Structures are given as structure tokens and as C-alpha cells.
Amino acid sequence: MSKQVIDYNGEPVGVVVPDAEWLKFVAVKYQVWDLDARRFRSAAEARAAVEAHLASEAMTSRPGLAA
């Protein structure tokens, strides 16, 4: 396993690096800082987590939707 860049909408937001049997996410953009150091089984799993996280952030930052 080697490091892999994780993109979101064509923009690099982090990398995954080997960490024992896992891949550790290293955030390079503030928007995904909450995912920094999380471990994933694959780069695809990390990408899915980034997408879910950013979709959640978009929902809470829209006017009228945040509590």
C-alpha cells in the first residue's frame, strides 16, 4: 500500500497513508479536519467519509437549516 490523494470535486482534501493494517487519513483542507487521523480500510471508504462529512457540513451551513 502507498499513500493516495483523496479528492473532492477535483480538489485534494487529504491523503491516506498506510498505518499497520489500515489507511490513516491526513487532512490537508480545513473542511475535513474532523476526519484527520481517522483510519479506514480503503481509499474508497475514506472518500465516502469525506463526501458524507462535506454533505453534512453543507446541510448545517445553509441558512434556515441550522438549529
PDB file of N, CA and C in Angstrom:
ATOM      1  N   MET A   1       0.839  -1.183   0.000  1.00  0.00           N
ATOM      2  CA  MET A   1       0.000   0.000   0.000  1.00  0.00           C
ATOM      3  C   MET A   1       0.880   1.240   0.000  1.00  0.00           C
ATOM      4  N   SER A   2       0.434   2.239  -0.732  1.00  0.00           N
ATOM      5  CA  SER A   2       1.150   3.507  -0.717  1.00  0.00           C
ATOM      6  C   SER A   2       0.155   4.622  -0.442  1.00  0.00           C
ATOM      7  N   LYS A   3       0.684   5.825  -0.257  1.00  0.00           N
ATOM      8  CA  LYS A   3      -0.220   6.937   0.012  1.00  0.00           C
ATOM      9  C   LYS A   3      -1.053   7.237  -1.227  1.00  0.00           C
ATOM     10  N   GLN A   4      -2.265   7.723  -0.994  1.00  0.00           N
ATOM     11  CA  GLN A   4      -3.174   8.085  -2.074  1.00  0.00           C
ATOM     12  C   GLN A   4      -3.830   9.412  -1.728  1.00  0.00           C
ATOM     13  N   VAL A   5      -3.944  10.264  -2.743  1.00  0.00           N
ATOM     14  CA  VAL A   5      -4.608  11.551  -2.565  1.00  0.00           C
ATOM     15  C   VAL A   5      -6.116  11.331  -2.602  1.00  0.00           C
ATOM     16  N   ILE A   6      -6.824  11.996  -1.706  1.00  0.00           N
ATOM     17  CA  ILE A   6      -8.282  11.947  -1.671  1.00  0.00           C
ATOM     18  C   ILE A   6      -8.799  13.294  -2.176  1.00  0.00           C
ATOM     19  N   ASP A   7      -9.525  13.257  -3.289  1.00  0.00           N
ATOM     20  CA  ASP A   7     -10.093  14.465  -3.902  1.00  0.00           C
ATOM     21  C   ASP A   7     -11.574  14.569  -3.603  1.00  0.00           C
ATOM     22  N   TYR A   8     -12.054  15.800  -3.599  1.00  0.00           N
ATOM     23  CA  TYR A   8     -13.484  16.076  -3.526  1.00  0.00           C
ATOM     24  C   TYR A   8     -13.771  17.162  -4.550  1.00  0.00           C
ATOM     25  N   ASN A   9     -14.621  16.848  -5.511  1.00  0.00           N
ATOM     26  CA  ASN A   9     -14.932  17.778  -6.611  1.00  0.00           C
ATOM     27  C   ASN A   9     -13.661  18.274  -7.299  1.00  0.00           C
ATOM     28  N   GLY A  10     -12.711  17.383  -7.499  1.00  0.00           N
ATOM     29  CA  GLY A  10     -11.482  17.720  -8.199  1.00  0.00           C
ATOM     30  C   GLY A  10     -10.437  18.458  -7.381  1.00  0.00           C
ATOM     31  N   GLU A  11     -10.687  18.651  -6.097  1.00  0.00           N
ATOM     32  CA  GLU A  11      -9.746  19.361  -5.230  1.00  0.00           C
ATOM     33  C   GLU A  11      -9.200  18.406  -4.171  1.00  0.00           C
ATOM     34  N   PRO A  12      -7.886  18.316  -4.034  1.00  0.00           N
ATOM     35  CA  PRO A  12      -7.313  17.468  -2.979  1.00  0.00           C
ATOM     36  C   PRO A  12      -7.724  17.985  -1.597  1.00  0.00           C
ATOM     37  N   VAL A  13      -8.248  17.080  -0.769  1.00  0.00           N
ATOM     38  CA  VAL A  13      -8.647  17.460   0.587  1.00  0.00           C
ATOM     39  C   VAL A  13      -7.876  16.685   1.645  1.00  0.00           C
ATOM     40  N   GLY A  14      -7.166  15.645   1.222  1.00  0.00           N
ATOM     41  CA  GLY A  14      -6.401  14.848   2.162  1.00  0.00           C
ATOM     42  C   GLY A  14      -5.661  13.732   1.456  1.00  0.00           C
ATOM     43  N   VAL A  15      -4.938  12.971   2.232  1.00  0.00           N
ATOM     44  CA  VAL A  15      -4.263  11.783   1.741  1.00  0.00           C
ATOM     45  C   VAL A  15      -4.508  10.658   2.737  1.00  0.00           C
ATOM     46  N   VAL A  16      -4.433   9.434   2.242  1.00  0.00           N
ATOM     47  CA  VAL A  16      -4.425   8.284   3.134  1.00  0.00           C
ATOM     48  C   VAL A  16      -3.040   7.664   3.047  1.00  0.00           C
ATOM     49  N   VAL A  17      -2.509   7.310   4.212  1.00  0.00           N
ATOM     50  CA  VAL A  17      -1.181   6.717   4.293  1.00  0.00           C
ATOM     51  C   VAL A  17      -1.289   5.399   5.056  1.00  0.00           C
ATOM     52  N   PRO A  18      -0.467   4.428   4.687  1.00  0.00           N
ATOM     53  CA  PRO A  18      -0.511   3.148   5.392  1.00  0.00           C
ATOM     54  C   PRO A  18      -0.220   3.312   6.877  1.00  0.00           C
ATOM     55  N   ASP A  19      -0.993   2.590   7.692  1.00  0.00           N
ATOM     56  CA  ASP A  19      -0.820   2.593   9.141  1.00  0.00           C
ATOM     57  C   ASP A  19      -1.216   1.214   9.639  1.00  0.00           C
ATOM     58  N   ALA A  20      -0.226   0.354   9.787  1.00  0.00           N
ATOM     59  CA  ALA A  20      -0.453  -1.058  10.129  1.00  0.00           C
ATOM     60  C   ALA A  20      -1.358  -1.680   9.064  1.00  0.00           C
ATOM     61  N   GLU A  21      -2.488  -2.209   9.458  1.00  0.00           N
ATOM     62  CA  GLU A  21      -3.413  -2.845   8.514  1.00  0.00           C
ATOM     63  C   GLU A  21      -4.426  -1.860   7.948  1.00  0.00           C
ATOM     64  N   TRP A  22      -4.310  -0.600   8.277  1.00  0.00           N
ATOM     65  CA  TRP A  22      -5.295   0.412   7.913  1.00  0.00           C
ATOM     66  C   TRP A  22      -4.685   1.476   7.016  1.00  0.00           C
ATOM     67  N   LEU A  23      -5.530   2.412   6.599  1.00  0.00           N
ATOM     68  CA  LEU A  23      -5.083   3.635   5.945  1.00  0.00           C
ATOM     69  C   LEU A  23      -5.510   4.787   6.833  1.00  0.00           C
ATOM     70  N   LYS A  24      -4.556   5.629   7.200  1.00  0.00           N
ATOM     71  CA  LYS A  24      -4.864   6.776   8.056  1.00  0.00           C
ATOM     72  C   LYS A  24      -5.070   8.002   7.179  1.00  0.00           C
ATOM     73  N   PHE A  25      -6.159   8.728   7.437  1.00  0.00           N
ATOM     74  CA  PHE A  25      -6.471   9.931   6.690  1.00  0.00           C
ATOM     75  C   PHE A  25      -5.722  11.111   7.291  1.00  0.00           C
ATOM     76  N   VAL A  26      -5.066  11.883   6.430  1.00  0.00           N
ATOM     77  CA  VAL A  26      -4.380  13.096   6.843  1.00  0.00           C
ATOM     78  C   VAL A  26      -5.038  14.254   6.094  1.00  0.00           C
ATOM     79  N   ALA A  27      -5.730  15.098   6.811  1.00  0.00           N
ATOM     80  CA  ALA A  27      -6.457  16.215   6.205  1.00  0.00           C
ATOM     81  C   ALA A  27      -5.477  17.290   5.741  1.00  0.00           C
ATOM     82  N   VAL A  28      -5.746  17.848   4.557  1.00  0.00           N
ATOM     83  CA  VAL A  28      -4.956  18.976   4.067  1.00  0.00           C
ATOM     84  C   VAL A  28      -5.846  20.203   3.832  1.00  0.00           C
ATOM     85  N   LYS A  29      -7.118  20.063   4.087  1.00  0.00           N
ATOM     86  CA  LYS A  29      -8.064  21.180   3.992  1.00  0.00           C
ATOM     87  C   LYS A  29      -8.859  21.253   5.286  1.00  0.00           C
ATOM     88  N   TYR A  30      -9.112  22.485   5.724  1.00  0.00           N
ATOM     89  CA  TYR A  30      -9.822  22.698   6.983  1.00  0.00           C
ATOM     90  C   TYR A  30     -11.199  22.040   6.997  1.00  0.00           C
ATOM     91  N   GLN A  31     -11.886  22.015   5.857  1.00  0.00           N
ATOM     92  CA  GLN A  31     -13.252  21.481   5.798  1.00  0.00           C
ATOM     93  C   GLN A  31     -13.336  20.018   6.232  1.00  0.00           C
ATOM     94  N   VAL A  32     -12.242  19.281   6.145  1.00  0.00           N
ATOM     95  CA  VAL A  32     -12.257  17.862   6.529  1.00  0.00           C
ATOM     96  C   VAL A  32     -11.382  17.587   7.750  1.00  0.00           C
ATOM     97  N   TRP A  33     -11.044  18.640   8.474  1.00  0.00           N
ATOM     98  CA  TRP A  33     -10.187  18.495   9.647  1.00  0.00           C
ATOM     99  C   TRP A  33     -10.732  17.481  10.647  1.00  0.00           C
ATOM    100  N   ASP A  34     -12.055  17.396  10.777  1.00  0.00           N
ATOM    101  CA  ASP A  34     -12.662  16.450  11.731  1.00  0.00           C
ATOM    102  C   ASP A  34     -12.331  14.994  11.398  1.00  0.00           C
ATOM    103  N   LEU A  35     -11.945  14.718  10.170  1.00  0.00           N
ATOM    104  CA  LEU A  35     -11.617  13.350   9.765  1.00  0.00           C
ATOM    105  C   LEU A  35     -10.127  13.032   9.938  1.00  0.00           C
ATOM    106  N   ASP A  36      -9.325  14.030  10.274  1.00  0.00           N
ATOM    107  CA  ASP A  36      -7.885  13.844  10.398  1.00  0.00           C
ATOM    108  C   ASP A  36      -7.566  12.731  11.394  1.00  0.00           C
ATOM    109  N   ALA A  37      -6.668  11.852  10.985  1.00  0.00           N
ATOM    110  CA  ALA A  37      -6.179  10.722  11.789  1.00  0.00           C
ATOM    111  C   ALA A  37      -7.168   9.559  11.891  1.00  0.00           C
ATOM    112  N   ARG A  38      -8.345   9.664  11.273  1.00  0.00           N
ATOM    113  CA  ARG A  38      -9.246   8.502  11.259  1.00  0.00           C
ATOM    114  C   ARG A  38      -8.650   7.423  10.383  1.00  0.00           C
ATOM    115  N   ARG A  39      -8.931   6.197  10.723  1.00  0.00           N
ATOM    116  CA  ARG A  39      -8.402   5.057   9.961  1.00  0.00           C
ATOM    117  C   ARG A  39      -9.525   4.401   9.163  1.00  0.00           C
ATOM    118  N   PHE A  40      -9.170   3.995   7.947  1.00  0.00           N
ATOM    119  CA  PHE A  40     -10.129   3.389   7.023  1.00  0.00           C
ATOM    120  C   PHE A  40      -9.540   2.117   6.443  1.00  0.00           C
ATOM    121  N   ARG A  41     -10.425   1.256   5.969  1.00  0.00           N
ATOM    122  CA  ARG A  41      -9.988   0.005   5.352  1.00  0.00           C
ATOM    123  C   ARG A  41      -9.515   0.199   3.924  1.00  0.00           C
ATOM    124  N   SER A  42      -9.992   1.266   3.266  1.00  0.00           N
ATOM    125  CA  SER A  42      -9.617   1.505   1.878  1.00  0.00           C
ATOM    126  C   SER A  42      -9.717   2.988   1.550  1.00  0.00           C
ATOM    127  N   ALA A  43      -9.116   3.380   0.425  1.00  0.00           N
ATOM    128  CA  ALA A  43      -9.228   4.765  -0.031  1.00  0.00           C
ATOM    129  C   ALA A  43     -10.674   5.076  -0.395  1.00  0.00           C
ATOM    130  N   ALA A  44     -11.382   4.108  -0.937  1.00  0.00           N
ATOM    131  CA  ALA A  44     -12.795   4.315  -1.288  1.00  0.00           C
ATOM    132  C   ALA A  44     -13.620   4.613  -0.039  1.00  0.00           C
ATOM    133  N   GLU A  45     -13.339   3.930   1.054  1.00  0.00           N
ATOM    134  CA  GLU A  45     -14.044   4.181   2.307  1.00  0.00           C
ATOM    135  C   GLU A  45     -13.732   5.593   2.816  1.00  0.00           C
ATOM    136  N   ALA A  46     -12.486   6.030   2.676  1.00  0.00           N
ATOM    137  CA  ALA A  46     -12.113   7.382   3.084  1.00  0.00           C
ATOM    138  C   ALA A  46     -12.828   8.422   2.218  1.00  0.00           C
ATOM    139  N   ARG A  47     -12.888   8.189   0.901  1.00  0.00           N
ATOM    140  CA  ARG A  47     -13.601   9.111   0.008  1.00  0.00           C
ATOM    141  C   ARG A  47     -15.076   9.214   0.390  1.00  0.00           C
ATOM    142  N   ALA A  48     -15.681   8.090   0.696  1.00  0.00           N
ATOM    143  CA  ALA A  48     -17.093   8.088   1.099  1.00  0.00           C
ATOM    144  C   ALA A  48     -17.285   8.884   2.394  1.00  0.00           C
ATOM    145  N   ALA A  49     -16.358   8.751   3.332  1.00  0.00           N
ATOM    146  CA  ALA A  49     -16.441   9.502   4.587  1.00  0.00           C
ATOM    147  C   ALA A  49     -16.296  11.002   4.332  1.00  0.00           C
ATOM    148  N   VAL A  50     -15.396  11.375   3.419  1.00  0.00           N
ATOM    149  CA  VAL A  50     -15.226  12.792   3.062  1.00  0.00           C
ATOM    150  C   VAL A  50     -16.512  13.325   2.449  1.00  0.00           C
ATOM    151  N   GLU A  51     -17.082  12.581   1.508  1.00  0.00           N
ATOM    152  CA  GLU A  51     -18.329  13.013   0.862  1.00  0.00           C
ATOM    153  C   GLU A  51     -19.454  13.171   1.876  1.00  0.00           C
ATOM    154  N   ALA A  52     -19.599  12.205   2.764  1.00  0.00           N
ATOM    155  CA  ALA A  52     -20.653  12.275   3.780  1.00  0.00           C
ATOM    156  C   ALA A  52     -20.416  13.455   4.720  1.00  0.00           C
ATOM    157  N   HIS A  53     -19.175  13.655   5.115  1.00  0.00           N
ATOM    158  CA  HIS A  53     -18.854  14.752   6.028  1.00  0.00           C
ATOM    159  C   HIS A  53     -19.145  16.103   5.382  1.00  0.00           C
ATOM    160  N   LEU A  54     -18.706  16.291   4.149  1.00  0.00           N
ATOM    161  CA  LEU A  54     -18.914  17.575   3.483  1.00  0.00           C
ATOM    162  C   LEU A  54     -20.381  17.803   3.151  1.00  0.00           C
ATOM    163  N   ALA A  55     -21.121  16.748   2.842  1.00  0.00           N
ATOM    164  CA  ALA A  55     -22.563  16.887   2.606  1.00  0.00           C
ATOM    165  C   ALA A  55     -23.257  17.316   3.896  1.00  0.00           C
ATOM    166  N   SER A  56     -22.842  16.731   5.014  1.00  0.00           N
ATOM    167  CA  SER A  56     -23.406  17.094   6.314  1.00  0.00           C
ATOM    168  C   SER A  56     -23.084  18.543   6.656  1.00  0.00           C
ATOM    169  N   GLU A  57     -21.841  18.949   6.402  1.00  0.00           N
ATOM    170  CA  GLU A  57     -21.432  20.330   6.662  1.00  0.00           C
ATOM    171  C   GLU A  57     -22.238  21.298   5.805  1.00  0.00           C
ATOM    172  N   ALA A  58     -22.495  20.946   4.570  1.00  0.00           N
ATOM    173  CA  ALA A  58     -23.249  21.816   3.666  1.00  0.00           C
ATOM    174  C   ALA A  58     -24.685  21.982   4.163  1.00  0.00           C
ATOM    175  N   MET A  59     -25.249  20.922   4.692  1.00  0.00           N
ATOM    176  CA  MET A  59     -26.630  20.987   5.192  1.00  0.00           C
ATOM    177  C   MET A  59     -26.728  21.887   6.428  1.00  0.00           C
ATOM    178  N   THR A  60     -25.733  21.827   7.302  1.00  0.00           N
ATOM    179  CA  THR A  60     -25.800  22.614   8.534  1.00  0.00           C
ATOM    180  C   THR A  60     -25.393  24.069   8.306  1.00  0.00           C
ATOM    181  N   SER A  61     -24.709  24.354   7.197  1.00  0.00           N
ATOM    182  CA  SER A  61     -24.290  25.723   6.953  1.00  0.00           C
ATOM    183  C   SER A  61     -25.262  26.496   6.072  1.00  0.00           C
ATOM    184  N   ARG A  62     -26.314  25.841   5.576  1.00  0.00           N
ATOM    185  CA  ARG A  62     -27.302  26.535   4.752  1.00  0.00           C
ATOM    186  C   ARG A  62     -28.227  27.355   5.642  1.00  0.00           C
ATOM    187  N   PRO A  63     -28.504  28.593   5.251  1.00  0.00           N
ATOM    188  CA  PRO A  63     -29.390  29.441   6.056  1.00  0.00           C
ATOM    189  C   PRO A  63     -30.754  28.801   6.265  1.00  0.00           C
ATOM    190  N   GLY A  64     -31.240  28.895   7.476  1.00  0.00           N
ATOM    191  CA  GLY A  64     -32.575  28.379   7.783  1.00  0.00           C
ATOM    192  C   GLY A  64     -32.602  26.907   8.155  1.00  0.00           C
ATOM    193  N   LEU A  65     -31.492  26.194   7.945  1.00  0.00           N
ATOM    194  CA  LEU A  65     -31.478  24.765   8.250  1.00  0.00           C
ATOM    195  C   LEU A  65     -30.750  24.457   9.549  1.00  0.00           C
ATOM    196  N   ALA A  66     -29.853  25.296   9.954  1.00  0.00           N
ATOM    197  CA  ALA A  66     -29.103  25.041  11.178  1.00  0.00           C
ATOM    198  C   ALA A  66     -29.957  25.381  12.396  1.00  0.00           C
ATOM    199  N   ALA A  67     -29.834  24.558  13.421  1.00  0.00           N
ATOM    200  CA  ALA A  67     -30.603  24.796  14.647  1.00  0.00           C
ATOM    201  C   ALA A  67     -29.883  25.752  15.551  1.00  0.00           C
TER     202      ALA A  67
END
